[in-house]
Structures are given as C-alpha cells and as structure tokens.
Protein backbone atom coordinates (compact mmCIF):
# COMPACT_ATOMS: atom_id res chain seq x y z
CA MET A 1 -0.14 -0.24 -0.12
CA ASN A 2 1.50 3.36 -1.14
CA ALA A 3 1.47 6.82 1.10
CA THR A 4 -1.68 7.86 -1.36
CA ASP A 5 -3.43 4.50 -0.38
CA SER A 6 -2.87 4.78 2.98
CA GLU A 7 -3.99 8.49 3.82
CA ILE A 8 -7.17 7.90 1.41
CA LEU A 9 -8.07 4.78 3.92
CA LEU A 10 -7.69 6.34 6.88
CA GLU A 11 -9.72 9.47 5.84
CA LEU A 12 -12.15 6.77 4.79
CA PHE A 13 -12.22 5.43 8.05
CA LEU A 14 -12.29 8.31 10.20
CA ALA A 15 -15.12 9.70 8.21
CA LEU A 16 -17.32 6.36 8.72
CA ASP A 17 -20.57 6.64 9.98
CA THR A 18 -20.99 3.37 11.81
CA PRO A 19 -24.57 2.72 12.89
CA GLU A 20 -25.46 2.49 16.45
CA GLY A 21 -24.26 -0.38 18.49
CA LEU A 22 -21.65 -1.34 15.93
CA ARG A 23 -17.79 -0.69 16.29
CA ALA A 24 -15.36 -0.10 13.18
CA GLU A 25 -11.75 -0.85 13.39
CA LEU A 26 -8.56 -0.01 11.22
CA VAL A 27 -6.15 -3.34 11.30
CA GLU A 28 -3.01 -3.12 9.17
CA GLY A 29 -4.93 -1.88 6.49
CA VAL A 30 -8.02 -3.45 7.07
CA ILE A 31 -11.23 -2.29 8.32
CA LEU A 32 -13.70 -4.15 10.33
CA VAL A 33 -17.19 -3.53 11.65
CA ALA A 34 -17.98 -5.84 14.60
CA LEU A 35 -21.80 -6.08 15.88
CA PRO A 36 -22.21 -6.13 19.81
CA PHE A 37 -21.28 -8.63 22.12
CA ASP A 38 -23.26 -11.13 23.80
CA GLY A 39 -24.17 -10.97 27.37
CA THR A 40 -21.03 -13.49 28.07
CA HIS A 41 -18.69 -11.34 26.90
CA CYS A 42 -19.80 -8.52 28.89
CA HIS A 43 -19.56 -11.03 31.95
CA ILE A 44 -16.44 -11.57 31.33
CA ILE A 45 -15.45 -7.96 31.13
CA SER A 46 -17.49 -6.81 34.19
CA CYS A 47 -15.69 -9.63 36.41
CA LEU A 48 -12.37 -8.41 35.38
CA ALA A 49 -13.05 -5.53 36.32
CA ASP A 50 -14.60 -5.88 39.43
CA GLN A 51 -11.31 -8.30 40.76
CA VAL A 52 -9.08 -5.27 39.41
CA TYR A 53 -11.04 -2.19 41.40
CA ASP A 54 -10.86 -5.00 44.57
CA ALA A 55 -7.57 -6.39 44.48
CA SER A 56 -5.25 -4.23 42.22
CA ALA A 57 -2.20 -2.81 44.11
CA THR A 58 -2.39 0.41 41.71
CA ASP A 59 -5.63 2.17 41.71
CA MET A 60 -7.07 1.71 38.11
CA GLN A 61 -9.24 3.52 35.99
CA VAL A 62 -10.69 0.85 33.45
CA SER A 63 -12.62 2.14 29.89
CA GLU A 64 -14.19 -0.26 27.43
CA PHE A 65 -13.86 0.47 24.27
CA LYS A 66 -11.82 3.47 24.16
CA GLY A 67 -10.14 4.34 21.25
CA LEU A 68 -6.27 3.72 20.42
CA ARG A 69 -4.01 4.99 17.74
CA LEU A 70 -1.24 2.51 17.58
CA THR A 71 1.84 2.55 15.09
CA SER A 72 0.89 -0.16 12.02
CA GLY A 73 3.49 -1.80 10.24
CA GLU A 74 4.57 -1.50 6.60
CA HIS A 75 2.80 1.00 4.76
CA HIS A 76 -0.44 1.10 6.18
CA PRO A 77 -2.61 4.21 8.05
CA PRO A 78 -1.93 3.94 11.67
CA ASN A 79 -4.05 1.15 13.53
CA HIS A 80 -7.19 2.26 15.30
CA VAL A 81 -8.09 -0.33 17.34
CA ILE A 82 -10.93 -0.30 20.10
CA PRO A 83 -9.71 -2.74 22.99
CA ASP A 84 -12.17 -4.68 25.08
CA ALA A 85 -11.27 -2.78 28.25
CA THR A 86 -7.94 -0.70 28.65
CA PHE A 87 -6.84 -0.51 32.28
CA LEU A 88 -5.00 2.98 33.26
CA PRO A 89 -3.48 4.11 36.48
CA GLU A 90 -5.97 6.38 38.21
CA GLU A 91 -2.85 8.62 39.34
CA LEU A 92 -2.10 9.62 35.55
CA GLN A 93 -5.85 10.41 35.16
CA LEU A 94 -5.36 9.71 31.44
CA LEU A 95 -8.79 9.45 30.20
CA ARG A 96 -9.36 13.18 31.31
CA ASN A 97 -9.48 15.19 28.08
CA ALA A 98 -8.61 11.99 25.85
CA PRO A 99 -9.30 12.44 22.29
CA PRO A 100 -11.47 9.61 20.83
CA TRP A 101 -8.22 8.04 19.54
CA MET A 102 -5.58 8.06 22.28
CA GLU A 103 -2.24 7.25 22.12
CA PRO A 104 -1.19 4.30 24.55
CA ASP A 105 1.20 5.96 26.41
CA GLY A 106 0.87 5.32 29.92
CA LEU A 107 -1.41 2.27 29.59
CA ALA A 108 -1.32 -0.32 32.15
CA MET A 109 -2.71 -3.52 30.13
CA VAL A 110 -5.40 -3.98 27.54
CA VAL A 111 -7.65 -6.55 27.25
CA GLU A 112 -9.61 -8.67 24.64
CA VAL A 113 -12.26 -11.33 25.04
CA THR A 114 -12.44 -13.26 22.01
CA SER A 115 -15.62 -13.02 20.13
CA ASN A 116 -16.03 -11.69 16.41
CA TYR A 117 -12.72 -12.19 15.18
CA PRO A 118 -11.00 -14.41 17.39
CA GLN A 119 -7.72 -14.80 15.38
CA LEU A 120 -7.46 -11.36 15.10
CA ASP A 121 -7.58 -10.93 18.93
CA ARG A 122 -5.16 -14.13 19.24
CA THR A 123 -2.84 -12.57 16.60
CA THR A 124 -2.67 -9.41 15.06
CA LYS A 125 -4.05 -7.00 17.59
CA ARG A 126 -1.19 -9.07 19.83
CA ILE A 127 1.17 -7.82 17.93
CA CYS A 128 -0.20 -4.47 17.27
CA TYR A 129 -0.33 -3.85 21.00
CA ALA A 130 3.28 -5.50 21.37
CA ARG A 131 4.36 -3.06 18.64
CA ALA A 132 2.93 -0.03 20.64
CA GLY A 133 5.28 -1.30 23.97
CA ILE A 134 1.69 -1.81 25.55
CA PRO A 135 3.38 -3.64 28.92
CA LEU A 136 0.34 -6.33 29.25
CA TYR A 137 -2.11 -7.99 26.85
CA LEU A 138 -4.39 -10.09 28.23
CA LEU A 139 -6.32 -12.20 26.26
CA VAL A 140 -9.49 -14.17 27.62
CA ASP A 141 -9.99 -16.57 24.70
CA ARG A 142 -13.27 -18.53 25.03
CA GLU A 143 -13.48 -20.89 22.31
CA LYS A 144 -10.04 -22.00 24.42
CA SER A 145 -10.73 -21.84 27.92
CA GLN A 146 -8.12 -20.27 28.87
CA VAL A 147 -6.50 -16.91 29.79
CA SER A 148 -3.07 -15.46 28.13
CA LEU A 149 -1.13 -13.04 29.99
CA PHE A 150 1.72 -11.69 27.27
CA SER A 151 4.15 -9.45 28.63
CA LYS A 152 7.70 -7.74 27.98
CA PRO A 153 7.34 -6.24 24.35
CA HIS A 154 9.90 -6.44 22.34
CA ARG A 155 9.35 -4.91 18.60
CA ASP A 156 6.50 -6.80 17.35
CA GLU A 157 6.03 -9.46 20.04
CA TYR A 158 5.62 -10.09 23.86
CA THR A 159 8.76 -11.93 24.63
CA GLU A 160 6.74 -13.59 28.23
CA VAL A 161 3.37 -15.49 28.42
CA HIS A 162 1.51 -17.04 30.97
CA LEU A 163 -1.60 -19.28 30.47
CA ALA A 164 -4.27 -20.51 32.69
CA ALA A 165 -7.29 -22.32 31.75
CA PHE A 166 -10.58 -20.98 32.87
CA GLY A 167 -11.42 -21.97 36.32
CA GLU A 168 -7.45 -21.51 37.47
CA PRO A 169 -5.91 -18.40 39.19
CA LEU A 170 -3.68 -16.04 36.97
CA ALA A 171 -1.07 -14.21 38.51
CA LEU A 172 -0.86 -10.38 37.33
CA PRO A 173 2.29 -8.82 37.85
CA ALA A 174 2.83 -4.94 38.71
CA PRO A 175 1.34 -2.53 39.00
CA PHE A 176 -1.78 -4.82 39.58
CA GLU A 177 0.46 -7.77 41.76
CA PHE A 178 -3.02 -10.17 42.20
CA GLU A 179 -4.21 -13.53 41.16
CA LEU A 180 -6.91 -13.01 38.79
CA ASP A 181 -9.60 -15.57 39.54
CA THR A 182 -10.58 -16.91 36.33
CA LYS A 183 -13.56 -19.14 37.81
CA ASP A 184 -16.79 -17.05 36.80
CA PHE A 185 -14.83 -17.18 32.64
CA LEU A 186 -16.53 -20.50 32.64
C-alpha cells in the first residue's frame, strides 16, 4: 500500500458513520466492523473490572471500548484499535480530556475477549499492542477456555506469556500484583 492509498484509507475510516451498536476498527490496513457483544462477553469484562478495582495494588481506571491510535506495520495508515477493556493507573488521569483515538502512552493493560474475530485477537492485535509497547495484554480466549497474559513487549511481539485454563488463577504482575480468579469465566 503506497502513502496515497494509506492516506485515503485513513480518511475513509475516520469519516465512517458506523450505525449505533456497531464498532469500526482499522487494523493493519483493514477496516473491520463488529457486531454488539453477547452477554457472556460482557460478563467476563465486568468480572475482570470488579477484580481489578477490588484487588489491584495500584488504583486503576478502566475504559471499555476506548479507541487507541497505534503505529502500524509496513505502509498501512496508523491502526485505530478498540480493545474490549483498557486499564490505566488512576493517578495519571489519562482518560481526562483524551481524544476519541488516544495514544497508548501510560496504559497498564489492554484486554480482548474473543468473539467476532478470534484470530485477530490472538495474533494481529497482539502484534499491534506489542509494537505499541503496551506492557500487558490479557487475552480471554473463550474457544480455548484459557486466559493468556502477554508481557514484556519487544518490537512486534511479547517475550513472555503465561497461560491459565478457565477456573485456574493467573498472577497479574505490577502494577496490579494480584491473582486473577478465572472461575467466573467458565
């Protein structure tokens, strides 16, 4: 994709008038439109947010579906990604006055729960989040019944991954420093 095509694609994406209830993302040069989530997807995000609020060593803000502007690979326009949940240290107040598509600086963790595009969550978004230097990426994979915590980003990949089957605890490192209970994900 040349620079002109990239600019046109970005302009088209930013001009989209997405119908109510749908989400549009621009990921590695592809525009994706996702349907609303089912109740189980929302339940998992709610359980996760409750645990972070109750147990995290650092007070966190959470935003569901916060638009992030991330660098892309090759000659694509910048990625415009909407994680299912984004966790940010409360003391930084990064959400205050943030634009619709904010930069990832200061984020503690992004979360994806597989649903509409599971392979996108497992691979493409993981690479995007690593490339952006987001310290932690938590993938709740409903098809595999497991939680994957990716950490220590380096270039286009995370260098560490910790897995837990649904029902098993998963240790979240600093700034969270608690064991995530995944029983309610079953």
